[in-house]
Amino acid sequence: MLRRTVQWLSVVAALLGAGLVLAGRAVPGLQLLLGGLVILVAVRYESWRERTPPPPTGPEWHSTGERFEDPGTGRIVEVQYNARTGERRYQPDKDG
């Protein structure tokens, strides 16, 4: 909801800036136009950081038997290990 509101406000700012430029008020118009466009692009395309890739699956992942409470979420997580790569991952525990 907030994201959509910010996008709409940035579009309105860009349009107002374009109107000011056309009305002969170039400096404030360009500032408003460019500011609105920068905010629009930033809000529109910043969500790529929020999307984490799905964890790899397959028979090479084995549970280590370790379980602990994740301090960030407060949920119990299970440690899994890939012997081929040495990679560890932390999956939410199905029992906890």
PDB file of N, CA and C in Angstrom:
ATOM      1  N   MET A   1       0.817  -1.183   0.000  1.00  0.00           N
ATOM      2  CA  MET A   1       0.000   0.000   0.000  1.00  0.00           C
ATOM      3  C   MET A   1       0.873   1.264   0.000  1.00  0.00           C
ATOM      4  N   LEU A   2       1.855   1.311   0.902  1.00  0.00           N
ATOM      5  CA  LEU A   2       2.751   2.465   0.953  1.00  0.00           C
ATOM      6  C   LEU A   2       3.530   2.599  -0.349  1.00  0.00           C
ATOM      7  N   ARG A   3       3.969   1.473  -0.851  1.00  0.00           N
ATOM      8  CA  ARG A   3       4.741   1.476  -2.089  1.00  0.00           C
ATOM      9  C   ARG A   3       3.939   2.064  -3.248  1.00  0.00           C
ATOM     10  N   ARG A   4       2.692   1.653  -3.359  1.00  0.00           N
ATOM     11  CA  ARG A   4       1.829   2.157  -4.433  1.00  0.00           C
ATOM     12  C   ARG A   4       1.577   3.654  -4.264  1.00  0.00           C
ATOM     13  N   THR A   5       1.389   4.098  -3.025  1.00  0.00           N
ATOM     14  CA  THR A   5       1.167   5.518  -2.760  1.00  0.00           C
ATOM     15  C   THR A   5       2.383   6.350  -3.158  1.00  0.00           C
ATOM     16  N   VAL A   6       3.566   5.870  -2.803  1.00  0.00           N
ATOM     17  CA  VAL A   6       4.793   6.587  -3.167  1.00  0.00           C
ATOM     18  C   VAL A   6       4.950   6.632  -4.689  1.00  0.00           C
ATOM     19  N   GLN A   7       4.615   5.546  -5.366  1.00  0.00           N
ATOM     20  CA  GLN A   7       4.701   5.541  -6.829  1.00  0.00           C
ATOM     21  C   GLN A   7       3.753   6.583  -7.427  1.00  0.00           C
ATOM     22  N   TRP A   8       2.527   6.638  -6.929  1.00  0.00           N
ATOM     23  CA  TRP A   8       1.571   7.612  -7.461  1.00  0.00           C
ATOM     24  C   TRP A   8       2.025   9.040  -7.179  1.00  0.00           C
ATOM     25  N   LEU A   9       2.536   9.288  -5.983  1.00  0.00           N
ATOM     26  CA  LEU A   9       3.009  10.630  -5.659  1.00  0.00           C
ATOM     27  C   LEU A   9       4.195  11.030  -6.527  1.00  0.00           C
ATOM     28  N   SER A  10       5.074  10.082  -6.835  1.00  0.00           N
ATOM     29  CA  SER A  10       6.214  10.405  -7.689  1.00  0.00           C
ATOM     30  C   SER A  10       5.764  10.688  -9.123  1.00  0.00           C
ATOM     31  N   VAL A  11       4.737   9.993  -9.596  1.00  0.00           N
ATOM     32  CA  VAL A  11       4.196  10.282 -10.932  1.00  0.00           C
ATOM     33  C   VAL A  11       3.574  11.676 -10.951  1.00  0.00           C
ATOM     34  N   VAL A  12       2.831  12.012  -9.900  1.00  0.00           N
ATOM     35  CA  VAL A  12       2.226  13.354  -9.819  1.00  0.00           C
ATOM     36  C   VAL A  12       3.315  14.416  -9.791  1.00  0.00           C
ATOM     37  N   ALA A  13       4.380  14.182  -9.020  1.00  0.00           N
ATOM     38  CA  ALA A  13       5.486  15.142  -8.965  1.00  0.00           C
ATOM     39  C   ALA A  13       6.136  15.305 -10.330  1.00  0.00           C
ATOM     40  N   ALA A  14       6.345  14.205 -11.038  1.00  0.00           N
ATOM     41  CA  ALA A  14       6.954  14.278 -12.365  1.00  0.00           C
ATOM     42  C   ALA A  14       6.054  15.047 -13.339  1.00  0.00           C
ATOM     43  N   LEU A  15       4.760  14.805 -13.257  1.00  0.00           N
ATOM     44  CA  LEU A  15       3.835  15.522 -14.140  1.00  0.00           C
ATOM     45  C   LEU A  15       3.785  17.011 -13.808  1.00  0.00           C
ATOM     46  N   LEU A  16       3.781  17.337 -12.519  1.00  0.00           N
ATOM     47  CA  LEU A  16       3.811  18.748 -12.132  1.00  0.00           C
ATOM     48  C   LEU A  16       5.110  19.409 -12.594  1.00  0.00           C
ATOM     49  N   GLY A  17       6.207  18.693 -12.486  1.00  0.00           N
ATOM     50  CA  GLY A  17       7.484  19.206 -12.957  1.00  0.00           C
ATOM     51  C   GLY A  17       7.473  19.454 -14.448  1.00  0.00           C
ATOM     52  N   ALA A  18       6.904  18.519 -15.199  1.00  0.00           N
ATOM     53  CA  ALA A  18       6.802  18.707 -16.647  1.00  0.00           C
ATOM     54  C   ALA A  18       5.940  19.921 -16.965  1.00  0.00           C
ATOM     55  N   GLY A  19       4.859  20.106 -16.204  1.00  0.00           N
ATOM     56  CA  GLY A  19       4.002  21.271 -16.407  1.00  0.00           C
ATOM     57  C   GLY A  19       4.732  22.570 -16.121  1.00  0.00           C
ATOM     58  N   LEU A  20       5.554  22.591 -15.075  1.00  0.00           N
ATOM     59  CA  LEU A  20       6.324  23.791 -14.761  1.00  0.00           C
ATOM     60  C   LEU A  20       7.351  24.090 -15.851  1.00  0.00           C
ATOM     61  N   VAL A  21       7.976  23.054 -16.370  1.00  0.00           N
ATOM     62  CA  VAL A  21       8.951  23.256 -17.452  1.00  0.00           C
ATOM     63  C   VAL A  21       8.250  23.859 -18.669  1.00  0.00           C
ATOM     64  N   LEU A  22       7.081  23.337 -19.010  1.00  0.00           N
ATOM     65  CA  LEU A  22       6.338  23.857 -20.160  1.00  0.00           C
ATOM     66  C   LEU A  22       5.831  25.280 -19.917  1.00  0.00           C
ATOM     67  N   ALA A  23       5.629  25.633 -18.645  1.00  0.00           N
ATOM     68  CA  ALA A  23       5.151  26.974 -18.316  1.00  0.00           C
ATOM     69  C   ALA A  23       6.285  27.984 -18.227  1.00  0.00           C
ATOM     70  N   GLY A  24       7.515  27.530 -18.444  1.00  0.00           N
ATOM     71  CA  GLY A  24       8.635  28.450 -18.445  1.00  0.00           C
ATOM     72  C   GLY A  24       9.400  28.529 -17.136  1.00  0.00           C
ATOM     73  N   ARG A  25       9.057  27.737 -16.172  1.00  0.00           N
ATOM     74  CA  ARG A  25       9.755  27.698 -14.882  1.00  0.00           C
ATOM     75  C   ARG A  25      10.689  26.497 -14.895  1.00  0.00           C
ATOM     76  N   ALA A  26      11.782  26.618 -15.631  1.00  0.00           N
ATOM     77  CA  ALA A  26      12.649  25.479 -15.934  1.00  0.00           C
ATOM     78  C   ALA A  26      13.339  24.882 -14.711  1.00  0.00           C
ATOM     79  N   VAL A  27      13.936  25.695 -13.857  1.00  0.00           N
ATOM     80  CA  VAL A  27      14.733  25.153 -12.749  1.00  0.00           C
ATOM     81  C   VAL A  27      13.866  24.377 -11.758  1.00  0.00           C
ATOM     82  N   PRO A  28      12.808  24.966 -11.183  1.00  0.00           N
ATOM     83  CA  PRO A  28      12.003  24.161 -10.256  1.00  0.00           C
ATOM     84  C   PRO A  28      11.287  23.008 -10.968  1.00  0.00           C
ATOM     85  N   GLY A  29      10.923  23.235 -12.222  1.00  0.00           N
ATOM     86  CA  GLY A  29      10.258  22.180 -12.983  1.00  0.00           C
ATOM     87  C   GLY A  29      11.149  20.977 -13.201  1.00  0.00           C
ATOM     88  N   LEU A  30      12.402  21.235 -13.579  1.00  0.00           N
ATOM     89  CA  LEU A  30      13.337  20.123 -13.788  1.00  0.00           C
ATOM     90  C   LEU A  30      13.640  19.397 -12.486  1.00  0.00           C
ATOM     91  N   GLN A  31      13.753  20.148 -11.391  1.00  0.00           N
ATOM     92  CA  GLN A  31      13.998  19.506 -10.099  1.00  0.00           C
ATOM     93  C   GLN A  31      12.848  18.581  -9.722  1.00  0.00           C
ATOM     94  N   LEU A  32      11.645  19.046  -9.888  1.00  0.00           N
ATOM     95  CA  LEU A  32      10.478  18.236  -9.551  1.00  0.00           C
ATOM     96  C   LEU A  32      10.332  17.057 -10.515  1.00  0.00           C
ATOM     97  N   LEU A  33      10.543  17.300 -11.786  1.00  0.00           N
ATOM     98  CA  LEU A  33      10.450  16.250 -12.787  1.00  0.00           C
ATOM     99  C   LEU A  33      11.481  15.149 -12.535  1.00  0.00           C
ATOM    100  N   LEU A  34      12.740  15.530 -12.383  1.00  0.00           N
ATOM    101  CA  LEU A  34      13.798  14.537 -12.170  1.00  0.00           C
ATOM    102  C   LEU A  34      13.655  13.840 -10.818  1.00  0.00           C
ATOM    103  N   GLY A  35      13.292  14.600  -9.787  1.00  0.00           N
ATOM    104  CA  GLY A  35      13.089  13.996  -8.470  1.00  0.00           C
ATOM    105  C   GLY A  35      11.979  12.958  -8.501  1.00  0.00           C
ATOM    106  N   GLY A  36      10.872  13.292  -9.156  1.00  0.00           N
ATOM    107  CA  GLY A  36       9.760  12.343  -9.274  1.00  0.00           C
ATOM    108  C   GLY A  36      10.153  11.089 -10.038  1.00  0.00           C
ATOM    109  N   LEU A  37      10.909  11.272 -11.130  1.00  0.00           N
ATOM    110  CA  LEU A  37      11.331  10.114 -11.927  1.00  0.00           C
ATOM    111  C   LEU A  37      12.321   9.228 -11.171  1.00  0.00           C
ATOM    112  N   VAL A  38      13.242   9.847 -10.444  1.00  0.00           N
ATOM    113  CA  VAL A  38      14.217   9.062  -9.677  1.00  0.00           C
ATOM    114  C   VAL A  38      13.504   8.248  -8.603  1.00  0.00           C
ATOM    115  N   ILE A  39      12.579   8.876  -7.895  1.00  0.00           N
ATOM    116  CA  ILE A  39      11.846   8.152  -6.848  1.00  0.00           C
ATOM    117  C   ILE A  39      11.008   7.042  -7.459  1.00  0.00           C
ATOM    118  N   LEU A  40      10.368   7.310  -8.581  1.00  0.00           N
ATOM    119  CA  LEU A  40       9.552   6.286  -9.243  1.00  0.00           C
ATOM    120  C   LEU A  40      10.395   5.078  -9.631  1.00  0.00           C
ATOM    121  N   VAL A  41      11.525   5.317 -10.258  1.00  0.00           N
ATOM    122  CA  VAL A  41      12.393   4.212 -10.675  1.00  0.00           C
ATOM    123  C   VAL A  41      12.933   3.458  -9.452  1.00  0.00           C
ATOM    124  N   ALA A  42      13.337   4.203  -8.419  1.00  0.00           N
ATOM    125  CA  ALA A  42      13.891   3.562  -7.224  1.00  0.00           C
ATOM    126  C   ALA A  42      12.865   2.673  -6.534  1.00  0.00           C
ATOM    127  N   VAL A  43      11.654   3.171  -6.380  1.00  0.00           N
ATOM    128  CA  VAL A  43      10.624   2.388  -5.695  1.00  0.00           C
ATOM    129  C   VAL A  43      10.156   1.231  -6.567  1.00  0.00           C
ATOM    130  N   ARG A  44      10.089   1.466  -7.850  1.00  0.00           N
ATOM    131  CA  ARG A  44       9.581   0.434  -8.759  1.00  0.00           C
ATOM    132  C   ARG A  44      10.534  -0.761  -8.848  1.00  0.00           C
ATOM    133  N   TYR A  45      11.829  -0.502  -8.838  1.00  0.00           N
ATOM    134  CA  TYR A  45      12.783  -1.575  -9.096  1.00  0.00           C
ATOM    135  C   TYR A  45      13.624  -1.966  -7.885  1.00  0.00           C
ATOM    136  N   GLU A  46      13.320  -1.465  -6.676  1.00  0.00           N
ATOM    137  CA  GLU A  46      14.105  -1.845  -5.523  1.00  0.00           C
ATOM    138  C   GLU A  46      13.688  -3.198  -4.965  1.00  0.00           C
ATOM    139  N   SER A  47      12.560  -3.715  -5.364  1.00  0.00           N
ATOM    140  CA  SER A  47      12.055  -4.952  -4.768  1.00  0.00           C
ATOM    141  C   SER A  47      12.865  -6.180  -5.165  1.00  0.00           C
ATOM    142  N   TRP A  48      13.786  -6.076  -6.108  1.00  0.00           N
ATOM    143  CA  TRP A  48      14.580  -7.252  -6.484  1.00  0.00           C
ATOM    144  C   TRP A  48      15.394  -7.749  -5.303  1.00  0.00           C
ATOM    145  N   ARG A  49      15.724  -6.857  -4.344  1.00  0.00           N
ATOM    146  CA  ARG A  49      16.490  -7.292  -3.183  1.00  0.00           C
ATOM    147  C   ARG A  49      15.639  -8.108  -2.226  1.00  0.00           C
ATOM    148  N   GLU A  50      14.332  -7.891  -2.225  1.00  0.00           N
ATOM    149  CA  GLU A  50      13.447  -8.595  -1.309  1.00  0.00           C
ATOM    150  C   GLU A  50      13.258 -10.058  -1.686  1.00  0.00           C
ATOM    151  N   ARG A  51      13.403 -10.347  -2.928  1.00  0.00           N
ATOM    152  CA  ARG A  51      13.143 -11.710  -3.398  1.00  0.00           C
ATOM    153  C   ARG A  51      14.398 -12.563  -3.240  1.00  0.00           C
ATOM    154  N   THR A  52      14.311 -13.523  -2.339  1.00  0.00           N
ATOM    155  CA  THR A  52      15.429 -14.436  -2.178  1.00  0.00           C
ATOM    156  C   THR A  52      15.202 -15.637  -3.086  1.00  0.00           C
ATOM    157  N   PRO A  53      16.249 -16.129  -3.704  1.00  0.00           N
ATOM    158  CA  PRO A  53      16.059 -17.285  -4.566  1.00  0.00           C
ATOM    159  C   PRO A  53      15.618 -18.483  -3.738  1.00  0.00           C
ATOM    160  N   PRO A  54      14.835 -19.359  -4.330  1.00  0.00           N
ATOM    161  CA  PRO A  54      14.405 -20.534  -3.578  1.00  0.00           C
ATOM    162  C   PRO A  54      15.616 -21.393  -3.227  1.00  0.00           C
ATOM    163  N   PRO A  55      15.582 -22.016  -2.072  1.00  0.00           N
ATOM    164  CA  PRO A  55      16.732 -22.828  -1.690  1.00  0.00           C
ATOM    165  C   PRO A  55      16.892 -24.018  -2.628  1.00  0.00           C
ATOM    166  N   PRO A  56      18.123 -24.391  -2.906  1.00  0.00           N
ATOM    167  CA  PRO A  56      18.332 -25.547  -3.766  1.00  0.00           C
ATOM    168  C   PRO A  56      17.802 -26.807  -3.089  1.00  0.00           C
ATOM    169  N   THR A  57      17.240 -27.655  -3.897  1.00  0.00           N
ATOM    170  CA  THR A  57      16.709 -28.908  -3.365  1.00  0.00           C
ATOM    171  C   THR A  57      17.398 -30.064  -4.063  1.00  0.00           C
ATOM    172  N   GLY A  58      17.281 -31.207  -3.489  1.00  0.00           N
ATOM    173  CA  GLY A  58      17.851 -32.386  -4.106  1.00  0.00           C
ATOM    174  C   GLY A  58      18.359 -33.355  -3.055  1.00  0.00           C
ATOM    175  N   PRO A  59      18.770 -34.503  -3.512  1.00  0.00           N
ATOM    176  CA  PRO A  59      19.193 -35.545  -2.572  1.00  0.00           C
ATOM    177  C   PRO A  59      20.535 -35.239  -1.897  1.00  0.00           C
ATOM    178  N   GLU A  60      21.282 -34.246  -2.391  1.00  0.00           N
ATOM    179  CA  GLU A  60      22.587 -33.959  -1.803  1.00  0.00           C
ATOM    180  C   GLU A  60      22.488 -33.184  -0.490  1.00  0.00           C
ATOM    181  N   TRP A  61      21.315 -32.660  -0.155  1.00  0.00           N
ATOM    182  CA  TRP A  61      21.133 -31.924   1.093  1.00  0.00           C
ATOM    183  C   TRP A  61      20.716 -32.878   2.205  1.00  0.00           C
ATOM    184  N   HIS A  62      21.466 -32.845   3.315  1.00  0.00           N
ATOM    185  CA  HIS A  62      21.196 -33.732   4.452  1.00  0.00           C
ATOM    186  C   HIS A  62      21.108 -32.916   5.727  1.00  0.00           C
ATOM    187  N   SER A  63      20.220 -33.333   6.606  1.00  0.00           N
ATOM    188  CA  SER A  63      20.088 -32.674   7.894  1.00  0.00           C
ATOM    189  C   SER A  63      21.285 -33.010   8.768  1.00  0.00           C
ATOM    190  N   THR A  64      21.794 -32.010   9.487  1.00  0.00           N
ATOM    191  CA  THR A  64      22.908 -32.249  10.414  1.00  0.00           C
ATOM    192  C   THR A  64      22.399 -32.611  11.797  1.00  0.00           C
ATOM    193  N   GLY A  65      21.114 -32.470  12.018  1.00  0.00           N
ATOM    194  CA  GLY A  65      20.547 -32.721  13.333  1.00  0.00           C
ATOM    195  C   GLY A  65      20.572 -31.486  14.222  1.00  0.00           C
ATOM    196  N   GLU A  66      21.202 -30.419  13.757  1.00  0.00           N
ATOM    197  CA  GLU A  66      21.269 -29.185  14.539  1.00  0.00           C
ATOM    198  C   GLU A  66      19.972 -28.401  14.365  1.00  0.00           C
ATOM    199  N   ARG A  67      19.453 -27.911  15.472  1.00  0.00           N
ATOM    200  CA  ARG A  67      18.281 -27.037  15.445  1.00  0.00           C
ATOM    201  C   ARG A  67      18.523 -25.938  16.469  1.00  0.00           C
ATOM    202  N   PHE A  68      18.108 -24.719  16.119  1.00  0.00           N
ATOM    203  CA  PHE A  68      18.258 -23.611  17.057  1.00  0.00           C
ATOM    204  C   PHE A  68      17.238 -22.533  16.724  1.00  0.00           C
ATOM    205  N   GLU A  69      17.069 -21.619  17.660  1.00  0.00           N
ATOM    206  CA  GLU A  69      16.142 -20.518  17.447  1.00  0.00           C
ATOM    207  C   GLU A  69      16.858 -19.391  16.718  1.00  0.00           C
ATOM    208  N   ASP A  70      16.313 -19.013  15.578  1.00  0.00           N
ATOM    209  CA  ASP A  70      16.882 -17.913  14.802  1.00  0.00           C
ATOM    210  C   ASP A  70      16.615 -16.614  15.559  1.00  0.00           C
ATOM    211  N   PRO A  71      17.665 -15.882  15.937  1.00  0.00           N
ATOM    212  CA  PRO A  71      17.444 -14.661  16.718  1.00  0.00           C
ATOM    213  C   PRO A  71      16.687 -13.580  15.945  1.00  0.00           C
ATOM    214  N   GLY A  72      16.748 -13.608  14.624  1.00  0.00           N
ATOM    215  CA  GLY A  72      16.058 -12.595  13.831  1.00  0.00           C
ATOM    216  C   GLY A  72      14.566 -12.815  13.738  1.00  0.00           C
ATOM    217  N   THR A  73      14.153 -14.071  13.652  1.00  0.00           N
ATOM    218  CA  THR A  73      12.730 -14.362  13.462  1.00  0.00           C
ATOM    219  C   THR A  73      12.089 -15.014  14.680  1.00  0.00           C
ATOM    220  N   GLY A  74      12.907 -15.591  15.558  1.00  0.00           N
ATOM    221  CA  GLY A  74      12.368 -16.293  16.712  1.00  0.00           C
ATOM    222  C   GLY A  74      11.856 -17.689  16.376  1.00  0.00           C
ATOM    223  N   ARG A  75      12.056 -18.134  15.146  1.00  0.00           N
ATOM    224  CA  ARG A  75      11.592 -19.463  14.724  1.00  0.00           C
ATOM    225  C   ARG A  75      12.712 -20.483  14.863  1.00  0.00           C
ATOM    226  N   ILE A  76      12.326 -21.733  15.033  1.00  0.00           N
ATOM    227  CA  ILE A  76      13.292 -22.823  15.093  1.00  0.00           C
ATOM    228  C   ILE A  76      13.704 -23.167  13.665  1.00  0.00           C
ATOM    229  N   VAL A  77      15.013 -23.236  13.429  1.00  0.00           N
ATOM    230  CA  VAL A  77      15.521 -23.593  12.106  1.00  0.00           C
ATOM    231  C   VAL A  77      16.365 -24.858  12.206  1.00  0.00           C
ATOM    232  N   GLU A  78      16.409 -25.566  11.099  1.00  0.00           N
ATOM    233  CA  GLU A  78      17.182 -26.800  10.997  1.00  0.00           C
ATOM    234  C   GLU A  78      18.358 -26.546  10.056  1.00  0.00           C
ATOM    235  N   VAL A  79      19.521 -27.043  10.416  1.00  0.00           N
ATOM    236  CA  VAL A  79      20.715 -26.872   9.594  1.00  0.00           C
ATOM    237  C   VAL A  79      20.813 -28.039   8.623  1.00  0.00           C
ATOM    238  N   GLN A  80      20.994 -27.714   7.347  1.00  0.00           N
ATOM    239  CA  GLN A  80      21.189 -28.737   6.319  1.00  0.00           C
ATOM    240  C   GLN A  80      22.556 -28.521   5.685  1.00  0.00           C
ATOM    241  N   TYR A  81      23.137 -29.599   5.200  1.00  0.00           N
ATOM    242  CA  TYR A  81      24.513 -29.570   4.714  1.00  0.00           C
ATOM    243  C   TYR A  81      24.599 -30.276   3.372  1.00  0.00           C
ATOM    244  N   ASN A  82      25.375 -29.700   2.468  1.00  0.00           N
ATOM    245  CA  ASN A  82      25.634 -30.309   1.169  1.00  0.00           C
ATOM    246  C   ASN A  82      27.100 -30.755   1.190  1.00  0.00           C
ATOM    247  N   ALA A  83      27.328 -32.053   1.249  1.00  0.00           N
ATOM    248  CA  ALA A  83      28.685 -32.586   1.375  1.00  0.00           C
ATOM    249  C   ALA A  83      29.526 -32.307   0.123  1.00  0.00           C
ATOM    250  N   ARG A  84      28.890 -32.209  -1.026  1.00  0.00           N
ATOM    251  CA  ARG A  84      29.629 -31.987  -2.263  1.00  0.00           C
ATOM    252  C   ARG A  84      30.235 -30.585  -2.319  1.00  0.00           C
ATOM    253  N   THR A  85      29.459 -29.578  -1.902  1.00  0.00           N
ATOM    254  CA  THR A  85      29.928 -28.191  -1.992  1.00  0.00           C
ATOM    255  C   THR A  85      30.393 -27.623  -0.654  1.00  0.00           C
ATOM    256  N   GLY A  86      30.009 -28.256   0.452  1.00  0.00           N
ATOM    257  CA  GLY A  86      30.339 -27.746   1.771  1.00  0.00           C
ATOM    258  C   GLY A  86      29.405 -26.643   2.226  1.00  0.00           C
ATOM    259  N   GLU A  87      28.373 -26.374   1.458  1.00  0.00           N
ATOM    260  CA  GLU A  87      27.436 -25.300   1.774  1.00  0.00           C
ATOM    261  C   GLU A  87      26.474 -25.730   2.881  1.00  0.00           C
ATOM    262  N   ARG A  88      26.128 -24.773   3.742  1.00  0.00           N
ATOM    263  CA  ARG A  88      25.140 -25.002   4.784  1.00  0.00           C
ATOM    264  C   ARG A  88      23.963 -24.071   4.521  1.00  0.00           C
ATOM    265  N   ARG A  89      22.766 -24.533   4.889  1.00  0.00           N
ATOM    266  CA  ARG A  89      21.603 -23.670   4.790  1.00  0.00           C
ATOM    267  C   ARG A  89      20.718 -23.907   6.003  1.00  0.00           C
ATOM    268  N   TYR A  90      19.882 -22.937   6.268  1.00  0.00           N
ATOM    269  CA  TYR A  90      19.041 -22.954   7.460  1.00  0.00           C
ATOM    270  C   TYR A  90      17.586 -22.902   7.025  1.00  0.00           C
ATOM    271  N   GLN A  91      16.893 -23.987   7.231  1.00  0.00           N
ATOM    272  CA  GLN A  91      15.509 -24.115   6.824  1.00  0.00           C
ATOM    273  C   GLN A  91      14.607 -24.068   8.054  1.00  0.00           C
ATOM    274  N   PRO A  92      13.451 -23.429   7.953  1.00  0.00           N
ATOM    275  CA  PRO A  92      12.505 -23.471   9.083  1.00  0.00           C
ATOM    276  C   PRO A  92      12.165 -24.925   9.413  1.00  0.00           C
ATOM    277  N   ASP A  93      12.223 -25.247  10.691  1.00  0.00           N
ATOM    278  CA  ASP A  93      11.948 -26.607  11.132  1.00  0.00           C
ATOM    279  C   ASP A  93      10.469 -26.910  11.009  1.00  0.00           C
ATOM    280  N   LYS A  94      10.125 -28.034  10.439  1.00  0.00           N
ATOM    281  CA  LYS A  94       8.737 -28.406  10.241  1.00  0.00           C
ATOM    282  C   LYS A  94       8.055 -28.783  11.556  1.00  0.00           C
ATOM    283  N   ASP A  95       8.837 -29.245  12.541  1.00  0.00           N
ATOM    284  CA  ASP A  95       8.261 -29.661  13.821  1.00  0.00           C
ATOM    285  C   ASP A  95       8.142 -28.492  14.792  1.00  0.00           C
ATOM    286  N   GLY A  96       8.934 -27.423  14.588  1.00  0.00           N
ATOM    287  CA  GLY A  96       8.931 -26.322  15.547  1.00  0.00           C
ATOM    288  C   GLY A  96       8.305 -25.156  14.969  1.00  0.00           C
TER     289      GLY A  96
END
